[in-house]
Amino acid sequence: MKLHTQVMTLRLARPFIISRGAITTQKTVIVRLEEAGEIGYGEVTENDFYEHSAESILASIERVRPLVEACGSLDAQELWASLCDPLKNDLFALCAIDIAAHDLQSKLAGRRCHESLGLEWVPGPESSLTLSIGTPEEVIEEYKLNPGWAGYKLKLGTEHDLEVVRRLREETDAVLRIDANCAWSVEETIENSFAMRELGVEFLEQPLSRTARVEELVKVFEESALPVIADESCCVASDVRLCVDRFHGVNIKLCKCGGLTPAVRMLREARSLGLKTMVGCMIETSIGITAAAQLLPLLDYCDLDGALLLAEDPATGAEVRQGKVSLPDAPGCGGRLAETAFA
């Protein structure tokens, strides 16, 4: 098996702004695994918050190249297990390899990836579309560029938060979800939850810092008028059980946990514990989005709009049309990088 990597700089259609800052471009690492004439594609983006750069991800992948290329009969889950220790400090690199391995394994078997994962495809929840943080006028302007979605996720974390939600609710009766990206205090969260419940908000995502004390998480869990979903507080498998009685649900991202292999296990455990399940994404190409979309049968919510925030997507794969997610009818995950995008 041959392993290839390349870094791409993706231009965004417009600046993407959250409580931690703004970006206009996004670097992503593409992994290709080749065997018997088939290609498996994987992807992971760099991320300052989680302290993974494109360069560090590439360096990690190079360290395990001999292990990957020496892999005999490909079993994606066995490969993931063999790489867990050498990549224990870089789950982003592990994610890209794992996605590519699942894609390749499924193609070699002539099966769709969700089938290889033991999942029966059913129409899943519709994706929300993310609106960047901003003044009420800026958020409304962005909304008007993207009307007709069943749901919108608002990035909040300014003094305008409540007014933004009020103004947007005047424009649409769509489902509204809130993501404060760790920007609120306990008191703000509880107070905002009651005001936002009156405005028809569905849930709050990660309002408190990921370093919040247990008693703070419990207070919000018990007193919030709205369900609270863990994002930054739920990264790896051991975090899922810790979210019980602290959050009402979890947002699993492939890059945080190390790929499809652990994501399936985490989602199944979350469901068994009575937690709501969600899969989110980064701003990435259709390679990453299509991989995450394999998990729709396990989800209550999804946020798979990342490729739609790009000025140009160099890949094809899952289609997300005003929230409705559909997969290509092809073996593997279904994501494919355009020939012109190869380095």
C-alpha atoms as a PDB file:
ATOM      1  CA  MET A   1       0.000   0.000   0.000  1.00  0.00           C
ATOM      2  CA  LYS A   2       1.280   3.464  -0.897  1.00  0.00           C
ATOM      3  CA  LEU A   3       0.649   6.591   1.140  1.00  0.00           C
ATOM      4  CA  HIS A   4       0.596  10.088  -0.357  1.00  0.00           C
ATOM      5  CA  THR A   5       0.012  13.434   1.351  1.00  0.00           C
ATOM      6  CA  GLN A   6      -0.503  16.983   0.248  1.00  0.00           C
ATOM      7  CA  VAL A   7      -1.404  20.284   1.871  1.00  0.00           C
ATOM      8  CA  MET A   8      -3.985  22.571   0.321  1.00  0.00           C
ATOM      9  CA  THR A   9      -4.871  26.136   1.253  1.00  0.00           C
ATOM     10  CA  LEU A  10      -8.611  26.604   0.889  1.00  0.00           C
ATOM     11  CA  ARG A  11     -10.107  30.042   0.298  1.00  0.00           C
ATOM     12  CA  LEU A  12     -13.318  30.831   2.136  1.00  0.00           C
ATOM     13  CA  ALA A  13     -16.294  32.403   0.399  1.00  0.00           C
ATOM     14  CA  ARG A  14     -16.377  35.045   3.139  1.00  0.00           C
ATOM     15  CA  PRO A  15     -14.571  35.558   6.465  1.00  0.00           C
ATOM     16  CA  PHE A  16     -15.523  32.986   9.103  1.00  0.00           C
ATOM     17  CA  ILE A  17     -15.716  34.546  12.550  1.00  0.00           C
ATOM     18  CA  ILE A  18     -16.215  32.915  15.950  1.00  0.00           C
ATOM     19  CA  SER A  19     -15.524  34.087  19.501  1.00  0.00           C
ATOM     20  CA  ARG A  20     -11.846  33.056  19.187  1.00  0.00           C
ATOM     21  CA  GLY A  21     -11.081  34.962  15.979  1.00  0.00           C
ATOM     22  CA  ALA A  22     -11.558  35.147  12.210  1.00  0.00           C
ATOM     23  CA  ILE A  23     -10.113  33.310   9.206  1.00  0.00           C
ATOM     24  CA  THR A  24     -10.272  33.816   5.445  1.00  0.00           C
ATOM     25  CA  THR A  25      -8.286  30.706   4.444  1.00  0.00           C
ATOM     26  CA  GLN A  26      -7.974  27.199   5.843  1.00  0.00           C
ATOM     27  CA  LYS A  27      -5.096  24.756   5.410  1.00  0.00           C
ATOM     28  CA  THR A  28      -6.054  21.121   5.038  1.00  0.00           C
ATOM     29  CA  VAL A  29      -4.054  17.897   4.777  1.00  0.00           C
ATOM     30  CA  ILE A  30      -5.203  15.321   2.221  1.00  0.00           C
ATOM     31  CA  VAL A  31      -4.125  11.684   2.597  1.00  0.00           C
ATOM     32  CA  ARG A  32      -4.336   9.151  -0.234  1.00  0.00           C
ATOM     33  CA  LEU A  33      -3.856   5.427   0.287  1.00  0.00           C
ATOM     34  CA  GLU A  34      -3.403   3.376  -2.894  1.00  0.00           C
ATOM     35  CA  GLU A  35      -3.686  -0.371  -3.334  1.00  0.00           C
ATOM     36  CA  ALA A  36      -4.790  -2.678  -6.166  1.00  0.00           C
ATOM     37  CA  GLY A  37      -5.737   0.252  -8.371  1.00  0.00           C
ATOM     38  CA  GLU A  38      -8.041   1.858  -5.804  1.00  0.00           C
ATOM     39  CA  ILE A  39      -7.516   5.122  -3.908  1.00  0.00           C
ATOM     40  CA  GLY A  40      -8.787   5.891  -0.417  1.00  0.00           C
ATOM     41  CA  TYR A  41      -9.066   9.564   0.490  1.00  0.00           C
ATOM     42  CA  GLY A  42      -8.735  11.106   3.941  1.00  0.00           C
ATOM     43  CA  GLU A  43      -8.607  14.659   5.209  1.00  0.00           C
ATOM     44  CA  VAL A  44      -7.963  16.718   8.314  1.00  0.00           C
ATOM     45  CA  THR A  45      -7.579  20.476   8.680  1.00  0.00           C
ATOM     46  CA  GLU A  46      -5.063  22.290  10.803  1.00  0.00           C
ATOM     47  CA  ASN A  47      -6.452  23.913  13.945  1.00  0.00           C
ATOM     48  CA  ASP A  48      -4.830  26.478  16.210  1.00  0.00           C
ATOM     49  CA  PHE A  49      -7.199  25.827  19.115  1.00  0.00           C
ATOM     50  CA  TYR A  50      -6.253  22.150  19.249  1.00  0.00           C
ATOM     51  CA  GLU A  51      -2.613  23.021  18.456  1.00  0.00           C
ATOM     52  CA  HIS A  52      -2.239  21.033  15.253  1.00  0.00           C
ATOM     53  CA  SER A  53      -0.633  22.717  12.244  1.00  0.00           C
ATOM     54  CA  ALA A  54      -0.459  21.286   8.746  1.00  0.00           C
ATOM     55  CA  GLU A  55       3.284  20.890   9.245  1.00  0.00           C
ATOM     56  CA  SER A  56       2.933  18.994  12.531  1.00  0.00           C
ATOM     57  CA  ILE A  57       0.249  16.730  11.049  1.00  0.00           C
ATOM     58  CA  LEU A  58       2.481  15.914   8.067  1.00  0.00           C
ATOM     59  CA  ALA A  59       5.414  15.191  10.377  1.00  0.00           C
ATOM     60  CA  SER A  60       3.286  12.784  12.398  1.00  0.00           C
ATOM     61  CA  ILE A  61       2.099  10.985   9.274  1.00  0.00           C
ATOM     62  CA  GLU A  62       5.681  10.635   8.047  1.00  0.00           C
ATOM     63  CA  ARG A  63       6.668   8.992  11.342  1.00  0.00           C
ATOM     64  CA  VAL A  64       4.167   6.196  10.791  1.00  0.00           C
ATOM     65  CA  ARG A  65       4.572   5.889   7.025  1.00  0.00           C
ATOM     66  CA  PRO A  66       6.536   2.593   7.315  1.00  0.00           C
ATOM     67  CA  LEU A  67       3.775   1.078   9.472  1.00  0.00           C
ATOM     68  CA  VAL A  68       1.050   2.164   7.074  1.00  0.00           C
ATOM     69  CA  GLU A  69       2.788   1.100   3.885  1.00  0.00           C
ATOM     70  CA  ALA A  70       3.766  -2.266   5.381  1.00  0.00           C
ATOM     71  CA  CYS A  71       0.129  -3.019   6.162  1.00  0.00           C
ATOM     72  CA  GLY A  72      -0.826  -6.291   4.503  1.00  0.00           C
ATOM     73  CA  SER A  73      -4.477  -7.220   4.164  1.00  0.00           C
ATOM     74  CA  LEU A  74      -6.103  -3.896   4.949  1.00  0.00           C
ATOM     75  CA  ASP A  75      -8.411  -3.781   7.954  1.00  0.00           C
ATOM     76  CA  ALA A  76      -9.105  -0.148   8.811  1.00  0.00           C
ATOM     77  CA  GLN A  77      -9.941  -0.818  12.448  1.00  0.00           C
ATOM     78  CA  GLU A  78      -6.821  -2.920  12.969  1.00  0.00           C
ATOM     79  CA  LEU A  79      -4.697  -0.239  11.303  1.00  0.00           C
ATOM     80  CA  TRP A  80      -6.253   2.391  13.576  1.00  0.00           C
ATOM     81  CA  ALA A  81      -5.464   0.272  16.645  1.00  0.00           C
ATOM     82  CA  SER A  82      -1.847  -0.195  15.543  1.00  0.00           C
ATOM     83  CA  LEU A  83      -1.414   3.565  15.092  1.00  0.00           C
ATOM     84  CA  CYS A  84      -3.051   4.650  18.342  1.00  0.00           C
ATOM     85  CA  ASP A  85       0.129   4.537  20.393  1.00  0.00           C
ATOM     86  CA  PRO A  86       2.559   6.154  17.905  1.00  0.00           C
ATOM     87  CA  LEU A  87      -0.037   8.842  17.126  1.00  0.00           C
ATOM     88  CA  LYS A  88      -1.459   9.272  20.621  1.00  0.00           C
ATOM     89  CA  ASN A  89      -0.373  12.919  20.611  1.00  0.00           C
ATOM     90  CA  ASP A  90      -1.707  13.659  17.126  1.00  0.00           C
ATOM     91  CA  LEU A  91      -5.239  12.382  16.675  1.00  0.00           C
ATOM     92  CA  PHE A  92      -5.627  14.769  13.742  1.00  0.00           C
ATOM     93  CA  ALA A  93      -3.034  12.779  11.777  1.00  0.00           C
ATOM     94  CA  LEU A  94      -4.666   9.532  12.899  1.00  0.00           C
ATOM     95  CA  CYS A  95      -8.019  10.853  11.669  1.00  0.00           C
ATOM     96  CA  ALA A  96      -6.794  11.523   8.129  1.00  0.00           C
ATOM     97  CA  ILE A  97      -5.242   8.064   7.841  1.00  0.00           C
ATOM     98  CA  ASP A  98      -8.288   6.339   9.334  1.00  0.00           C
ATOM     99  CA  ILE A  99     -10.728   8.016   6.940  1.00  0.00           C
ATOM    100  CA  ALA A 100      -8.549   7.056   3.967  1.00  0.00           C
ATOM    101  CA  ALA A 101      -8.251   3.480   5.250  1.00  0.00           C
ATOM    102  CA  HIS A 102     -12.026   3.089   5.612  1.00  0.00           C
ATOM    103  CA  ASP A 103     -12.558   4.574   2.157  1.00  0.00           C
ATOM    104  CA  LEU A 104      -9.997   2.243   0.579  1.00  0.00           C
ATOM    105  CA  GLN A 105     -11.150  -0.855   2.461  1.00  0.00           C
ATOM    106  CA  SER A 106     -14.744  -0.269   1.384  1.00  0.00           C
ATOM    107  CA  LYS A 107     -13.756   0.316  -2.239  1.00  0.00           C
ATOM    108  CA  LEU A 108     -11.707  -2.881  -2.322  1.00  0.00           C
ATOM    109  CA  ALA A 109     -14.719  -4.758  -0.946  1.00  0.00           C
ATOM    110  CA  GLY A 110     -17.135  -3.042  -3.338  1.00  0.00           C
ATOM    111  CA  ARG A 111     -19.192  -1.699  -0.442  1.00  0.00           C
ATOM    112  CA  ARG A 112     -20.300   1.731   0.687  1.00  0.00           C
ATOM    113  CA  CYS A 113     -18.443   2.921   3.760  1.00  0.00           C
ATOM    114  CA  HIS A 114     -21.433   3.146   6.093  1.00  0.00           C
ATOM    115  CA  GLU A 115     -22.173  -0.503   5.269  1.00  0.00           C
ATOM    116  CA  SER A 116     -18.611  -1.460   6.209  1.00  0.00           C
ATOM    117  CA  LEU A 117     -19.168   0.375   9.497  1.00  0.00           C
ATOM    118  CA  GLY A 118     -22.225  -1.776  10.171  1.00  0.00           C
ATOM    119  CA  LEU A 119     -24.706   1.045   9.592  1.00  0.00           C
ATOM    120  CA  GLU A 120     -27.892   0.829   7.573  1.00  0.00           C
ATOM    121  CA  TRP A 121     -28.478   4.035   5.626  1.00  0.00           C
ATOM    122  CA  VAL A 122     -31.582   5.944   6.602  1.00  0.00           C
ATOM    123  CA  PRO A 123     -32.349   9.601   5.935  1.00  0.00           C
ATOM    124  CA  GLY A 124     -30.691  11.318   8.861  1.00  0.00           C
ATOM    125  CA  PRO A 125     -31.212  14.696  10.484  1.00  0.00           C
ATOM    126  CA  GLU A 126     -30.808  17.773   8.320  1.00  0.00           C
ATOM    127  CA  SER A 127     -27.634  19.823   8.641  1.00  0.00           C
ATOM    128  CA  SER A 128     -27.683  23.338   9.974  1.00  0.00           C
ATOM    129  CA  LEU A 129     -25.870  26.185   8.218  1.00  0.00           C
ATOM    130  CA  THR A 130     -23.432  28.211  10.300  1.00  0.00           C
ATOM    131  CA  LEU A 131     -23.693  32.000  10.509  1.00  0.00           C
ATOM    132  CA  SER A 132     -20.556  33.787  11.715  1.00  0.00           C
ATOM    133  CA  ILE A 133     -20.426  35.946  14.798  1.00  0.00           C
ATOM    134  CA  GLY A 134     -21.218  39.600  14.125  1.00  0.00           C
ATOM    135  CA  THR A 135     -23.530  42.515  14.694  1.00  0.00           C
ATOM    136  CA  PRO A 136     -27.248  41.910  14.155  1.00  0.00           C
ATOM    137  CA  GLU A 137     -26.991  43.619  10.769  1.00  0.00           C
ATOM    138  CA  GLU A 138     -24.039  41.476   9.680  1.00  0.00           C
ATOM    139  CA  VAL A 139     -25.715  38.232  10.738  1.00  0.00           C
ATOM    140  CA  ILE A 140     -28.951  39.143   8.964  1.00  0.00           C
ATOM    141  CA  GLU A 141     -26.979  39.994   5.825  1.00  0.00           C
ATOM    142  CA  GLU A 142     -25.283  36.586   5.882  1.00  0.00           C
ATOM    143  CA  TYR A 143     -28.610  34.858   6.511  1.00  0.00           C
ATOM    144  CA  LYS A 144     -30.174  36.586   3.505  1.00  0.00           C
ATOM    145  CA  LEU A 145     -27.392  35.190   1.322  1.00  0.00           C
ATOM    146  CA  ASN A 146     -28.420  31.675   2.418  1.00  0.00           C
ATOM    147  CA  PRO A 147     -32.214  31.540   2.844  1.00  0.00           C
ATOM    148  CA  GLY A 148     -34.345  28.436   2.950  1.00  0.00           C
ATOM    149  CA  TRP A 149     -32.406  26.190   5.311  1.00  0.00           C
ATOM    150  CA  ALA A 150     -34.362  24.207   7.883  1.00  0.00           C
ATOM    151  CA  GLY A 151     -31.872  25.208  10.571  1.00  0.00           C
ATOM    152  CA  TYR A 152     -29.109  27.713  11.305  1.00  0.00           C
ATOM    153  CA  LYS A 153     -26.304  27.601  13.852  1.00  0.00           C
ATOM    154  CA  LEU A 154     -25.377  31.023  15.189  1.00  0.00           C
ATOM    155  CA  LYS A 155     -21.867  31.687  16.413  1.00  0.00           C
ATOM    156  CA  LEU A 156     -22.187  33.966  19.442  1.00  0.00           C
ATOM    157  CA  GLY A 157     -19.966  35.536  22.078  1.00  0.00           C
ATOM    158  CA  THR A 158     -20.453  39.323  21.961  1.00  0.00           C
ATOM    159  CA  GLU A 159     -22.562  41.923  23.727  1.00  0.00           C
ATOM    160  CA  HIS A 160     -25.030  41.644  20.819  1.00  0.00           C
ATOM    161  CA  ASP A 161     -25.938  37.983  21.378  1.00  0.00           C
ATOM    162  CA  LEU A 162     -29.575  38.289  22.396  1.00  0.00           C
ATOM    163  CA  GLU A 163     -30.296  40.996  19.854  1.00  0.00           C
ATOM    164  CA  VAL A 164     -28.794  38.845  17.096  1.00  0.00           C
ATOM    165  CA  VAL A 165     -31.138  35.985  17.950  1.00  0.00           C
ATOM    166  CA  ARG A 166     -34.145  38.299  18.235  1.00  0.00           C
ATOM    167  CA  ARG A 167     -33.450  39.906  14.879  1.00  0.00           C
ATOM    168  CA  LEU A 168     -32.876  36.603  13.128  1.00  0.00           C
ATOM    169  CA  ARG A 169     -36.058  35.154  14.584  1.00  0.00           C
ATOM    170  CA  GLU A 170     -37.948  38.065  13.008  1.00  0.00           C
ATOM    171  CA  GLU A 171     -36.581  36.948   9.635  1.00  0.00           C
ATOM    172  CA  THR A 172     -37.187  33.192   9.811  1.00  0.00           C
ATOM    173  CA  ASP A 173     -39.066  30.443  11.605  1.00  0.00           C
ATOM    174  CA  ALA A 174     -36.209  27.995  10.948  1.00  0.00           C
ATOM    175  CA  VAL A 175     -34.630  25.974  13.742  1.00  0.00           C
ATOM    176  CA  LEU A 176     -31.979  28.058  15.533  1.00  0.00           C
ATOM    177  CA  ARG A 177     -29.029  26.557  17.380  1.00  0.00           C
ATOM    178  CA  ILE A 178     -26.450  28.498  19.363  1.00  0.00           C
ATOM    179  CA  ASP A 179     -22.687  27.892  19.536  1.00  0.00           C
ATOM    180  CA  ALA A 180     -20.865  30.187  21.950  1.00  0.00           C
ATOM    181  CA  ASN A 181     -17.493  28.426  21.508  1.00  0.00           C
ATOM    182  CA  CYS A 182     -16.651  28.604  25.222  1.00  0.00           C
ATOM    183  CA  ALA A 183     -17.371  32.358  25.446  1.00  0.00           C
ATOM    184  CA  TRP A 184     -20.057  32.533  28.158  1.00  0.00           C
ATOM    185  CA  SER A 185     -19.956  32.429  31.938  1.00  0.00           C
ATOM    186  CA  VAL A 186     -22.239  30.211  34.009  1.00  0.00           C
ATOM    187  CA  GLU A 187     -24.529  33.137  34.794  1.00  0.00           C
ATOM    188  CA  GLU A 188     -24.678  34.300  31.165  1.00  0.00           C
ATOM    189  CA  THR A 189     -25.492  30.799  29.993  1.00  0.00           C
ATOM    190  CA  ILE A 190     -28.384  30.297  32.378  1.00  0.00           C
ATOM    191  CA  GLU A 191     -29.801  33.783  31.803  1.00  0.00           C
ATOM    192  CA  ASN A 192     -29.441  33.534  28.020  1.00  0.00           C
ATOM    193  CA  SER A 193     -31.010  30.084  27.976  1.00  0.00           C
ATOM    194  CA  PHE A 194     -34.338  31.398  29.256  1.00  0.00           C
ATOM    195  CA  ALA A 195     -34.406  34.350  26.868  1.00  0.00           C
ATOM    196  CA  MET A 196     -33.427  32.136  23.939  1.00  0.00           C
ATOM    197  CA  ARG A 197     -35.959  29.468  24.787  1.00  0.00           C
ATOM    198  CA  GLU A 198     -38.632  32.124  24.318  1.00  0.00           C
ATOM    199  CA  LEU A 199     -37.142  32.788  20.881  1.00  0.00           C
ATOM    200  CA  GLY A 200     -37.422  29.146  19.866  1.00  0.00           C
ATOM    201  CA  VAL A 201     -33.741  28.189  20.122  1.00  0.00           C
ATOM    202  CA  GLU A 202     -33.244  24.404  20.076  1.00  0.00           C
ATOM    203  CA  PHE A 203     -30.024  24.005  22.077  1.00  0.00           C
ATOM    204  CA  LEU A 204     -26.803  25.643  23.267  1.00  0.00           C
ATOM    205  CA  GLU A 205     -23.461  24.222  22.145  1.00  0.00           C
ATOM    206  CA  GLN A 206     -20.425  24.485  24.437  1.00  0.00           C
ATOM    207  CA  PRO A 207     -21.261  27.760  26.209  1.00  0.00           C
ATOM    208  CA  LEU A 208     -18.599  27.287  28.907  1.00  0.00           C
ATOM    209  CA  SER A 209     -14.839  26.914  28.590  1.00  0.00           C
ATOM    210  CA  ARG A 210     -13.510  23.387  28.160  1.00  0.00           C
ATOM    211  CA  THR A 211     -11.612  24.046  31.429  1.00  0.00           C
ATOM    212  CA  ALA A 212     -14.824  24.823  33.334  1.00  0.00           C
ATOM    213  CA  ARG A 213     -15.053  23.153  36.738  1.00  0.00           C
ATOM    214  CA  VAL A 214     -17.342  20.170  37.192  1.00  0.00           C
ATOM    215  CA  GLU A 215     -19.615  22.101  39.549  1.00  0.00           C
ATOM    216  CA  GLU A 216     -20.027  24.816  36.899  1.00  0.00           C
ATOM    217  CA  LEU A 217     -21.000  22.274  34.255  1.00  0.00           C
ATOM    218  CA  VAL A 218     -23.466  20.629  36.634  1.00  0.00           C
ATOM    219  CA  LYS A 219     -25.046  23.966  37.565  1.00  0.00           C
ATOM    220  CA  VAL A 220     -25.642  24.825  33.914  1.00  0.00           C
ATOM    221  CA  PHE A 221     -26.891  21.296  33.196  1.00  0.00           C
ATOM    222  CA  GLU A 222     -29.414  21.512  36.013  1.00  0.00           C
ATOM    223  CA  GLU A 223     -30.534  25.121  35.582  1.00  0.00           C
ATOM    224  CA  SER A 224     -30.375  25.825  31.844  1.00  0.00           C
ATOM    225  CA  ALA A 225     -33.739  26.223  30.144  1.00  0.00           C
ATOM    226  CA  LEU A 226     -32.252  24.631  27.012  1.00  0.00           C
ATOM    227  CA  PRO A 227     -30.296  21.428  26.346  1.00  0.00           C
ATOM    228  CA  VAL A 228     -26.519  21.896  26.355  1.00  0.00           C
ATOM    229  CA  ILE A 229     -24.307  20.019  23.867  1.00  0.00           C
ATOM    230  CA  ALA A 230     -20.612  19.332  24.538  1.00  0.00           C
ATOM    231  CA  ASP A 231     -18.128  20.108  21.773  1.00  0.00           C
ATOM    232  CA  GLU A 232     -14.734  21.177  23.092  1.00  0.00           C
ATOM    233  CA  SER A 233     -15.475  19.182  26.272  1.00  0.00           C
ATOM    234  CA  CYS A 234     -15.955  15.930  24.339  1.00  0.00           C
ATOM    235  CA  CYS A 235     -12.958  15.005  22.221  1.00  0.00           C
ATOM    236  CA  VAL A 236     -12.054  11.356  22.808  1.00  0.00           C
ATOM    237  CA  ALA A 237     -13.815   8.169  23.882  1.00  0.00           C
ATOM    238  CA  SER A 238     -13.077   8.619  27.585  1.00  0.00           C
ATOM    239  CA  ASP A 239     -14.880  11.980  27.527  1.00  0.00           C
ATOM    240  CA  VAL A 240     -18.272  10.534  26.589  1.00  0.00           C
ATOM    241  CA  ARG A 241     -19.114   9.028  29.964  1.00  0.00           C
ATOM    242  CA  LEU A 242     -17.886  12.189  31.697  1.00  0.00           C
ATOM    243  CA  CYS A 243     -20.552  14.164  29.844  1.00  0.00           C
ATOM    244  CA  VAL A 244     -23.400  12.339  31.587  1.00  0.00           C
ATOM    245  CA  ASP A 245     -25.198  14.715  34.004  1.00  0.00           C
ATOM    246  CA  ARG A 246     -23.013  17.562  32.741  1.00  0.00           C
ATOM    247  CA  PHE A 247     -24.342  17.858  29.200  1.00  0.00           C
ATOM    248  CA  HIS A 248     -27.468  16.719  27.403  1.00  0.00           C
ATOM    249  CA  GLY A 249     -25.598  15.616  24.293  1.00  0.00           C
ATOM    250  CA  VAL A 250     -22.232  15.436  22.538  1.00  0.00           C
ATOM    251  CA  ASN A 251     -20.866  16.806  19.271  1.00  0.00           C
ATOM    252  CA  ILE A 252     -18.357  14.328  17.857  1.00  0.00           C
ATOM    253  CA  LYS A 253     -15.850  15.533  15.267  1.00  0.00           C
ATOM    254  CA  LEU A 254     -13.653  13.076  13.418  1.00  0.00           C
ATOM    255  CA  CYS A 255     -10.527  15.195  13.809  1.00  0.00           C
ATOM    256  CA  LYS A 256     -10.913  15.446  17.591  1.00  0.00           C
ATOM    257  CA  CYS A 257     -11.320  11.730  18.237  1.00  0.00           C
ATOM    258  CA  GLY A 258      -9.055  10.245  15.563  1.00  0.00           C
ATOM    259  CA  GLY A 259     -11.356   9.217  12.732  1.00  0.00           C
ATOM    260  CA  LEU A 260     -14.364   7.097  11.851  1.00  0.00           C
ATOM    261  CA  THR A 261     -13.279   4.096  13.913  1.00  0.00           C
ATOM    262  CA  PRO A 262     -13.542   5.809  17.327  1.00  0.00           C
ATOM    263  CA  ALA A 263     -16.414   8.073  16.250  1.00  0.00           C
ATOM    264  CA  VAL A 264     -18.752   5.112  15.697  1.00  0.00           C
ATOM    265  CA  ARG A 265     -17.883   3.712  19.124  1.00  0.00           C
ATOM    266  CA  MET A 266     -18.357   7.082  20.828  1.00  0.00           C
ATOM    267  CA  LEU A 267     -21.730   7.699  19.210  1.00  0.00           C
ATOM    268  CA  ARG A 268     -23.004   4.256  20.149  1.00  0.00           C
ATOM    269  CA  GLU A 269     -21.847   4.722  23.732  1.00  0.00           C
ATOM    270  CA  ALA A 270     -23.431   8.177  23.918  1.00  0.00           C
ATOM    271  CA  ARG A 271     -26.758   6.789  22.721  1.00  0.00           C
ATOM    272  CA  SER A 272     -26.586   3.966  25.264  1.00  0.00           C
ATOM    273  CA  LEU A 273     -26.047   6.567  28.012  1.00  0.00           C
ATOM    274  CA  GLY A 274     -29.054   8.615  26.975  1.00  0.00           C
ATOM    275  CA  LEU A 275     -27.074  11.475  25.443  1.00  0.00           C
ATOM    276  CA  LYS A 276     -28.181  13.216  22.264  1.00  0.00           C
ATOM    277  CA  THR A 277     -25.747  12.679  19.389  1.00  0.00           C
ATOM    278  CA  MET A 278     -24.375  15.132  16.876  1.00  0.00           C
ATOM    279  CA  VAL A 279     -21.545  15.130  14.361  1.00  0.00           C
ATOM    280  CA  GLY A 280     -19.918  18.398  13.373  1.00  0.00           C
ATOM    281  CA  CYS A 281     -17.167  19.419  11.014  1.00  0.00           C
ATOM    282  CA  MET A 282     -14.438  21.925  10.397  1.00  0.00           C
ATOM    283  CA  ILE A 283     -14.202  24.115   7.315  1.00  0.00           C
ATOM    284  CA  GLU A 284     -12.976  21.379   4.994  1.00  0.00           C
ATOM    285  CA  THR A 285     -13.476  19.866   1.569  1.00  0.00           C
ATOM    286  CA  SER A 286     -16.087  17.311   0.599  1.00  0.00           C
ATOM    287  CA  ILE A 287     -13.568  14.572   1.451  1.00  0.00           C
ATOM    288  CA  GLY A 288     -13.954  15.233   5.177  1.00  0.00           C
ATOM    289  CA  ILE A 289     -17.642  16.112   4.980  1.00  0.00           C
ATOM    290  CA  THR A 290     -18.498  12.915   3.096  1.00  0.00           C
ATOM    291  CA  ALA A 291     -16.637  10.806   5.644  1.00  0.00           C
ATOM    292  CA  ALA A 292     -18.562  12.400   8.516  1.00  0.00           C
ATOM    293  CA  ALA A 293     -21.847  11.940   6.656  1.00  0.00           C
ATOM    294  CA  GLN A 294     -21.431   8.148   6.903  1.00  0.00           C
ATOM    295  CA  LEU A 295     -22.480   8.507  10.548  1.00  0.00           C
ATOM    296  CA  LEU A 296     -25.911  10.037   9.918  1.00  0.00           C
ATOM    297  CA  PRO A 297     -27.812   6.868  10.972  1.00  0.00           C
ATOM    298  CA  LEU A 298     -26.437   7.344  14.508  1.00  0.00           C
ATOM    299  CA  LEU A 299     -27.329  11.029  14.866  1.00  0.00           C
ATOM    300  CA  ASP A 300     -29.965  13.286  16.355  1.00  0.00           C
ATOM    301  CA  TYR A 301     -28.343  16.420  14.899  1.00  0.00           C
ATOM    302  CA  CYS A 302     -25.656  17.220  12.347  1.00  0.00           C
ATOM    303  CA  ASP A 303     -23.606  20.193  11.249  1.00  0.00           C
ATOM    304  CA  LEU A 304     -22.015  19.293   7.911  1.00  0.00           C
ATOM    305  CA  ASP A 305     -21.849  22.610   6.084  1.00  0.00           C
ATOM    306  CA  GLY A 306     -18.051  23.033   6.106  1.00  0.00           C
ATOM    307  CA  ALA A 307     -17.458  22.605   2.369  1.00  0.00           C
ATOM    308  CA  LEU A 308     -20.231  25.084   1.568  1.00  0.00           C
ATOM    309  CA  LEU A 309     -18.255  27.823   3.304  1.00  0.00           C
ATOM    310  CA  LEU A 310     -15.455  27.524   0.724  1.00  0.00           C
ATOM    311  CA  ALA A 311     -15.040  29.785  -2.285  1.00  0.00           C
ATOM    312  CA  GLU A 312     -14.283  26.618  -4.273  1.00  0.00           C
ATOM    313  CA  ASP A 313     -14.407  23.004  -3.149  1.00  0.00           C
ATOM    314  CA  PRO A 314     -11.597  20.975  -4.807  1.00  0.00           C
ATOM    315  CA  ALA A 315     -13.460  17.751  -4.089  1.00  0.00           C
ATOM    316  CA  THR A 316     -16.811  16.124  -4.724  1.00  0.00           C
ATOM    317  CA  GLY A 317     -18.855  13.866  -2.507  1.00  0.00           C
ATOM    318  CA  ALA A 318     -21.857  14.224  -0.246  1.00  0.00           C
ATOM    319  CA  GLU A 319     -24.371  16.848  -1.284  1.00  0.00           C
ATOM    320  CA  VAL A 320     -25.776  19.174   1.359  1.00  0.00           C
ATOM    321  CA  ARG A 321     -28.671  21.127  -0.118  1.00  0.00           C
ATOM    322  CA  GLN A 322     -30.396  23.489   2.291  1.00  0.00           C
ATOM    323  CA  GLY A 323     -29.730  20.931   5.004  1.00  0.00           C
ATOM    324  CA  LYS A 324     -30.656  17.697   3.243  1.00  0.00           C
ATOM    325  CA  VAL A 325     -27.638  15.376   3.100  1.00  0.00           C
ATOM    326  CA  SER A 326     -27.242  12.711   0.410  1.00  0.00           C
ATOM    327  CA  LEU A 327     -24.342  10.376  -0.340  1.00  0.00           C
ATOM    328  CA  PRO A 328     -22.955   9.362  -3.741  1.00  0.00           C
ATOM    329  CA  ASP A 329     -24.080   5.916  -4.886  1.00  0.00           C
ATOM    330  CA  ALA A 330     -20.569   4.498  -5.081  1.00  0.00           C
ATOM    331  CA  PRO A 331     -18.264   2.207  -3.093  1.00  0.00           C
ATOM    332  CA  GLY A 332     -16.241   3.776  -0.293  1.00  0.00           C
ATOM    333  CA  CYS A 333     -17.117   7.035   1.398  1.00  0.00           C
ATOM    334  CA  GLY A 334     -17.838   8.686  -1.937  1.00  0.00           C
ATOM    335  CA  GLY A 335     -15.524  11.681  -1.611  1.00  0.00           C
ATOM    336  CA  ARG A 336     -13.111  12.308  -4.437  1.00  0.00           C
ATOM    337  CA  LEU A 337     -10.448  14.935  -5.051  1.00  0.00           C
ATOM    338  CA  ALA A 338     -10.511  16.603  -8.451  1.00  0.00           C
ATOM    339  CA  GLU A 339      -7.650  15.520 -10.715  1.00  0.00           C
ATOM    340  CA  THR A 340      -6.616  19.161 -11.062  1.00  0.00           C
ATOM    341  CA  ALA A 341      -6.127  19.330  -7.283  1.00  0.00           C
ATOM    342  CA  PHE A 342      -3.397  16.681  -7.130  1.00  0.00           C
ATOM    343  CA  ALA A 343      -0.049  18.120  -6.105  1.00  0.00           C
END
